[in-house]
PDB file of all heavy atoms in Angstrom:
ATOM      1  N   VAL A   1       0.863  -1.174   0.035  1.00  0.00           N
ATOM      2  CA  VAL A   1      -0.025  -0.019  -0.018  1.00  0.00           C
ATOM      3  C   VAL A   1       0.866   1.249   0.040  1.00  0.00           C
ATOM      4  O   VAL A   1       1.736   1.410   0.872  1.00  0.00           O
ATOM      5  CB  VAL A   1      -0.939   0.072   1.213  1.00  0.00           C
ATOM      6  CG1 VAL A   1      -1.830   1.282   1.209  1.00  0.00           C
ATOM      7  CG2 VAL A   1      -1.784  -1.167   1.285  1.00  0.00           C
ATOM      8  N   ALA A   2       0.708   2.118  -0.974  1.00  0.00           N
ATOM      9  CA  ALA A   2       1.451   3.352  -1.117  1.00  0.00           C
ATOM     10  C   ALA A   2       0.520   4.496  -0.735  1.00  0.00           C
ATOM     11  O   ALA A   2      -0.649   4.481  -1.151  1.00  0.00           O
ATOM     12  CB  ALA A   2       2.060   3.547  -2.445  1.00  0.00           C
ATOM     13  N   PHE A   3       1.033   5.548  -0.092  1.00  0.00           N
ATOM     14  CA  PHE A   3       0.208   6.676   0.312  1.00  0.00           C
ATOM     15  C   PHE A   3       1.031   7.961   0.248  1.00  0.00           C
ATOM     16  O   PHE A   3       2.204   7.975   0.308  1.00  0.00           O
ATOM     17  CB  PHE A   3      -0.393   6.459   1.731  1.00  0.00           C
ATOM     18  CG  PHE A   3       0.683   6.568   2.750  1.00  0.00           C
ATOM     19  CD1 PHE A   3       0.873   7.739   3.471  1.00  0.00           C
ATOM     20  CD2 PHE A   3       1.520   5.507   3.061  1.00  0.00           C
ATOM     21  CE1 PHE A   3       1.832   7.863   4.445  1.00  0.00           C
ATOM     22  CE2 PHE A   3       2.518   5.587   4.020  1.00  0.00           C
ATOM     23  CZ  PHE A   3       2.649   6.757   4.740  1.00  0.00           C
ATOM     24  N   THR A   4       0.261   9.079   0.156  1.00  0.00           N
ATOM     25  CA  THR A   4       0.890  10.387   0.174  1.00  0.00           C
ATOM     26  C   THR A   4       1.289  10.773   1.559  1.00  0.00           C
ATOM     27  O   THR A   4       0.341  10.956   2.452  1.00  0.00           O
ATOM     28  CB  THR A   4      -0.049  11.443  -0.452  1.00  0.00           C
ATOM     29  OG1 THR A   4      -0.417  11.064  -1.734  1.00  0.00           O
ATOM     30  CG2 THR A   4       0.636  12.812  -0.446  1.00  0.00           C
ATOM     31  N   LYS A   5       2.564  10.935   1.810  1.00  0.00           N
ATOM     32  CA  LYS A   5       3.077  11.399   3.156  1.00  0.00           C
ATOM     33  C   LYS A   5       2.963  12.897   3.269  1.00  0.00           C
ATOM     34  O   LYS A   5       2.774  13.443   4.317  1.00  0.00           O
ATOM     35  CB  LYS A   5       4.490  10.910   3.326  1.00  0.00           C
ATOM     36  CG  LYS A   5       5.156  11.366   4.623  1.00  0.00           C
ATOM     37  CD  LYS A   5       6.620  10.810   4.753  1.00  0.00           C
ATOM     38  CE  LYS A   5       7.242  11.352   5.976  1.00  0.00           C
ATOM     39  NZ  LYS A   5       8.615  10.838   6.119  1.00  0.00           N
ATOM     40  N   GLY A   6       3.166  13.602   2.164  1.00  0.00           N
ATOM     41  CA  GLY A   6       3.212  15.057   2.118  1.00  0.00           C
ATOM     42  C   GLY A   6       3.794  15.485   0.860  1.00  0.00           C
ATOM     43  O   GLY A   6       4.191  14.707   0.033  1.00  0.00           O
ATOM     44  N   PRO A   7       3.845  16.815   0.582  1.00  0.00           N
ATOM     45  CA  PRO A   7       3.246  17.855   1.434  1.00  0.00           C
ATOM     46  C   PRO A   7       1.772  17.971   1.147  1.00  0.00           C
ATOM     47  O   PRO A   7       1.239  17.344   0.193  1.00  0.00           O
ATOM     48  CB  PRO A   7       3.974  19.101   0.886  1.00  0.00           C
ATOM     49  CG  PRO A   7       4.288  18.785  -0.548  1.00  0.00           C
ATOM     50  CD  PRO A   7       4.617  17.274  -0.526  1.00  0.00           C
ATOM     51  N   GLY A   8       1.100  18.785   1.925  1.00  0.00           N
ATOM     52  CA  GLY A   8      -0.382  18.992   1.768  1.00  0.00           C
ATOM     53  C   GLY A   8      -1.015  19.518   3.047  1.00  0.00           C
ATOM     54  O   GLY A   8      -0.353  19.966   3.920  1.00  0.00           O
ATOM     55  N   LEU A   9      -2.327  19.421   3.141  1.00  0.00           N
ATOM     56  CA  LEU A   9      -3.071  19.836   4.314  1.00  0.00           C
ATOM     57  C   LEU A   9      -2.954  18.650   5.323  1.00  0.00           C
ATOM     58  O   LEU A   9      -3.260  17.582   5.044  1.00  0.00           O
ATOM     59  CB  LEU A   9      -4.534  20.035   3.936  1.00  0.00           C
ATOM     60  CG  LEU A   9      -4.840  21.111   2.902  1.00  0.00           C
ATOM     61  CD1 LEU A   9      -6.294  21.192   2.556  1.00  0.00           C
ATOM     62  CD2 LEU A   9      -4.338  22.478   3.348  1.00  0.00           C
ATOM     63  N   MET A  10      -2.539  19.068   6.468  1.00  0.00           N
ATOM     64  CA  MET A  10      -2.282  18.070   7.567  1.00  0.00           C
ATOM     65  C   MET A  10      -3.462  17.165   7.815  1.00  0.00           C
ATOM     66  O   MET A  10      -3.330  15.926   7.923  1.00  0.00           O
ATOM     67  CB  MET A  10      -1.811  18.722   8.866  1.00  0.00           C
ATOM     68  CG  MET A  10      -1.241  17.735   9.840  1.00  0.00           C
ATOM     69  SD  MET A  10       0.003  16.667   9.080  1.00  0.00           S
ATOM     70  CE  MET A  10       1.185  16.535  10.407  1.00  0.00           C
ATOM     71  N   GLY A  11      -4.655  17.769   8.037  1.00  0.00           N
ATOM     72  CA  GLY A  11      -5.820  16.941   8.329  1.00  0.00           C
ATOM     73  C   GLY A  11      -6.145  15.947   7.196  1.00  0.00           C
ATOM     74  O   GLY A  11      -6.479  14.795   7.459  1.00  0.00           O
ATOM     75  N   SER A  12      -6.016  16.419   5.984  1.00  0.00           N
ATOM     76  CA  SER A  12      -6.221  15.541   4.803  1.00  0.00           C
ATOM     77  C   SER A  12      -5.196  14.391   4.756  1.00  0.00           C
ATOM     78  O   SER A  12      -5.531  13.236   4.509  1.00  0.00           O
ATOM     79  CB  SER A  12      -6.249  16.377   3.553  1.00  0.00           C
ATOM     80  OG  SER A  12      -7.310  17.291   3.529  1.00  0.00           O
ATOM     81  N   LEU A  13      -3.967  14.795   4.913  1.00  0.00           N
ATOM     82  CA  LEU A  13      -2.882  13.736   4.904  1.00  0.00           C
ATOM     83  C   LEU A  13      -3.061  12.743   5.961  1.00  0.00           C
ATOM     84  O   LEU A  13      -2.843  11.523   5.737  1.00  0.00           O
ATOM     85  CB  LEU A  13      -1.531  14.415   5.049  1.00  0.00           C
ATOM     86  CG  LEU A  13      -1.007  15.337   3.927  1.00  0.00           C
ATOM     87  CD1 LEU A  13       0.188  16.132   4.386  1.00  0.00           C
ATOM     88  CD2 LEU A  13      -0.682  14.488   2.702  1.00  0.00           C
ATOM     89  N   LEU A  14      -3.507  13.113   7.144  1.00  0.00           N
ATOM     90  CA  LEU A  14      -3.699  12.159   8.282  1.00  0.00           C
ATOM     91  C   LEU A  14      -4.739  11.097   7.926  1.00  0.00           C
ATOM     92  O   LEU A  14      -4.581   9.948   8.327  1.00  0.00           O
ATOM     93  CB  LEU A  14      -4.099  12.910   9.554  1.00  0.00           C
ATOM     94  CG  LEU A  14      -2.979  13.683  10.245  1.00  0.00           C
ATOM     95  CD1 LEU A  14      -3.581  14.545  11.405  1.00  0.00           C
ATOM     96  CD2 LEU A  14      -1.930  12.721  10.789  1.00  0.00           C
ATOM     97  N   VAL A  15      -5.807  11.457   7.187  1.00  0.00           N
ATOM     98  CA  VAL A  15      -6.796  10.479   6.867  1.00  0.00           C
ATOM     99  C   VAL A  15      -6.182   9.375   5.947  1.00  0.00           C
ATOM    100  O   VAL A  15      -6.328   8.148   6.216  1.00  0.00           O
ATOM    101  CB  VAL A  15      -7.999  11.116   6.141  1.00  0.00           C
ATOM    102  CG1 VAL A  15      -9.014  10.093   5.675  1.00  0.00           C
ATOM    103  CG2 VAL A  15      -8.671  12.115   7.015  1.00  0.00           C
ATOM    104  N   GLY A  16      -5.521   9.784   4.903  1.00  0.00           N
ATOM    105  CA  GLY A  16      -4.853   8.840   4.029  1.00  0.00           C
ATOM    106  C   GLY A  16      -3.744   7.999   4.654  1.00  0.00           C
ATOM    107  O   GLY A  16      -3.691   6.800   4.446  1.00  0.00           O
ATOM    108  N   THR A  17      -2.998   8.701   5.500  1.00  0.00           N
ATOM    109  CA  THR A  17      -1.859   8.020   6.166  1.00  0.00           C
ATOM    110  C   THR A  17      -2.403   6.940   7.137  1.00  0.00           C
ATOM    111  O   THR A  17      -1.926   5.806   7.138  1.00  0.00           O
ATOM    112  CB  THR A  17      -0.991   9.035   6.933  1.00  0.00           C
ATOM    113  OG1 THR A  17      -0.440   9.954   6.068  1.00  0.00           O
ATOM    114  CG2 THR A  17       0.100   8.328   7.683  1.00  0.00           C
ATOM    115  N   SER A  18      -3.375   7.300   7.931  1.00  0.00           N
ATOM    116  CA  SER A  18      -3.952   6.380   8.920  1.00  0.00           C
ATOM    117  C   SER A  18      -4.592   5.168   8.229  1.00  0.00           C
ATOM    118  O   SER A  18      -4.422   4.046   8.678  1.00  0.00           O
ATOM    119  CB  SER A  18      -4.970   7.123   9.826  1.00  0.00           C
ATOM    120  OG  SER A  18      -4.366   8.182  10.484  1.00  0.00           O
ATOM    121  N   PHE A  19      -5.371   5.465   7.159  1.00  0.00           N
ATOM    122  CA  PHE A  19      -5.993   4.355   6.486  1.00  0.00           C
ATOM    123  C   PHE A  19      -4.965   3.360   5.863  1.00  0.00           C
ATOM    124  O   PHE A  19      -5.077   2.181   6.001  1.00  0.00           O
ATOM    125  CB  PHE A  19      -6.927   4.934   5.408  1.00  0.00           C
ATOM    126  CG  PHE A  19      -7.715   3.865   4.657  1.00  0.00           C
ATOM    127  CD1 PHE A  19      -8.940   3.485   5.077  1.00  0.00           C
ATOM    128  CD2 PHE A  19      -7.146   3.234   3.496  1.00  0.00           C
ATOM    129  CE1 PHE A  19      -9.690   2.507   4.435  1.00  0.00           C
ATOM    130  CE2 PHE A  19      -7.882   2.230   2.843  1.00  0.00           C
ATOM    131  CZ  PHE A  19      -9.132   1.892   3.295  1.00  0.00           C
ATOM    132  N   ALA A  20      -3.952   4.002   5.224  1.00  0.00           N
ATOM    133  CA  ALA A  20      -2.946   3.143   4.574  1.00  0.00           C
ATOM    134  C   ALA A  20      -2.180   2.310   5.573  1.00  0.00           C
ATOM    135  O   ALA A  20      -1.919   1.111   5.361  1.00  0.00           O
ATOM    136  CB  ALA A  20      -1.951   4.007   3.788  1.00  0.00           C
ATOM    137  N   LYS A  21      -1.827   2.912   6.711  1.00  0.00           N
ATOM    138  CA  LYS A  21      -1.110   2.178   7.760  1.00  0.00           C
ATOM    139  C   LYS A  21      -1.890   1.011   8.288  1.00  0.00           C
ATOM    140  O   LYS A  21      -1.443  -0.090   8.463  1.00  0.00           O
ATOM    141  CB  LYS A  21      -0.674   3.109   8.884  1.00  0.00           C
ATOM    142  CG  LYS A  21       0.438   4.095   8.490  1.00  0.00           C
ATOM    143  CD  LYS A  21       0.611   5.190   9.512  1.00  0.00           C
ATOM    144  CE  LYS A  21       1.211   4.727  10.770  1.00  0.00           C
ATOM    145  NZ  LYS A  21       1.613   5.827  11.709  1.00  0.00           N
ATOM    146  N   SER A  22      -3.210   1.304   8.538  1.00  0.00           N
ATOM    147  CA  SER A  22      -4.113   0.263   9.061  1.00  0.00           C
ATOM    148  C   SER A  22      -4.260  -0.880   8.050  1.00  0.00           C
ATOM    149  O   SER A  22      -4.271  -2.051   8.453  1.00  0.00           O
ATOM    150  CB  SER A  22      -5.423   0.861   9.427  1.00  0.00           C
ATOM    151  OG  SER A  22      -5.363   1.890  10.413  1.00  0.00           O
ATOM    152  N   LEU A  23      -4.497  -0.530   6.823  1.00  0.00           N
ATOM    153  CA  LEU A  23      -4.732  -1.532   5.766  1.00  0.00           C
ATOM    154  C   LEU A  23      -3.450  -2.425   5.637  1.00  0.00           C
ATOM    155  O   LEU A  23      -3.568  -3.638   5.557  1.00  0.00           O
ATOM    156  CB  LEU A  23      -5.101  -0.897   4.473  1.00  0.00           C
ATOM    157  CG  LEU A  23      -5.494  -1.884   3.335  1.00  0.00           C
ATOM    158  CD1 LEU A  23      -6.649  -2.733   3.722  1.00  0.00           C
ATOM    159  CD2 LEU A  23      -5.761  -1.066   2.030  1.00  0.00           C
ATOM    160  N   ALA A  24      -2.327  -1.815   5.539  1.00  0.00           N
ATOM    161  CA  ALA A  24      -1.072  -2.590   5.332  1.00  0.00           C
ATOM    162  C   ALA A  24      -0.806  -3.443   6.554  1.00  0.00           C
ATOM    163  O   ALA A  24      -0.412  -4.639   6.350  1.00  0.00           O
ATOM    164  CB  ALA A  24       0.086  -1.567   5.071  1.00  0.00           C
ATOM    165  N   PHE A  25      -1.024  -2.943   7.741  1.00  0.00           N
ATOM    166  CA  PHE A  25      -0.834  -3.699   8.960  1.00  0.00           C
ATOM    167  C   PHE A  25      -1.791  -4.907   8.974  1.00  0.00           C
ATOM    168  O   PHE A  25      -1.416  -6.039   9.340  1.00  0.00           O
ATOM    169  CB  PHE A  25      -1.070  -2.824  10.142  1.00  0.00           C
ATOM    170  CG  PHE A  25      -0.802  -3.490  11.471  1.00  0.00           C
ATOM    171  CD1 PHE A  25       0.444  -3.673  11.985  1.00  0.00           C
ATOM    172  CD2 PHE A  25      -1.870  -3.983  12.263  1.00  0.00           C
ATOM    173  CE1 PHE A  25       0.705  -4.318  13.183  1.00  0.00           C
ATOM    174  CE2 PHE A  25      -1.634  -4.682  13.444  1.00  0.00           C
ATOM    175  CZ  PHE A  25      -0.371  -4.833  13.915  1.00  0.00           C
TER     176      PHE A  25
END
């Protein structure tokens, strides 16, 4: 699973980051 770490809006990035980490785990 690949995801955008940044740059961008922090709140938006957190949604994608959290989802990707959970799915990969």
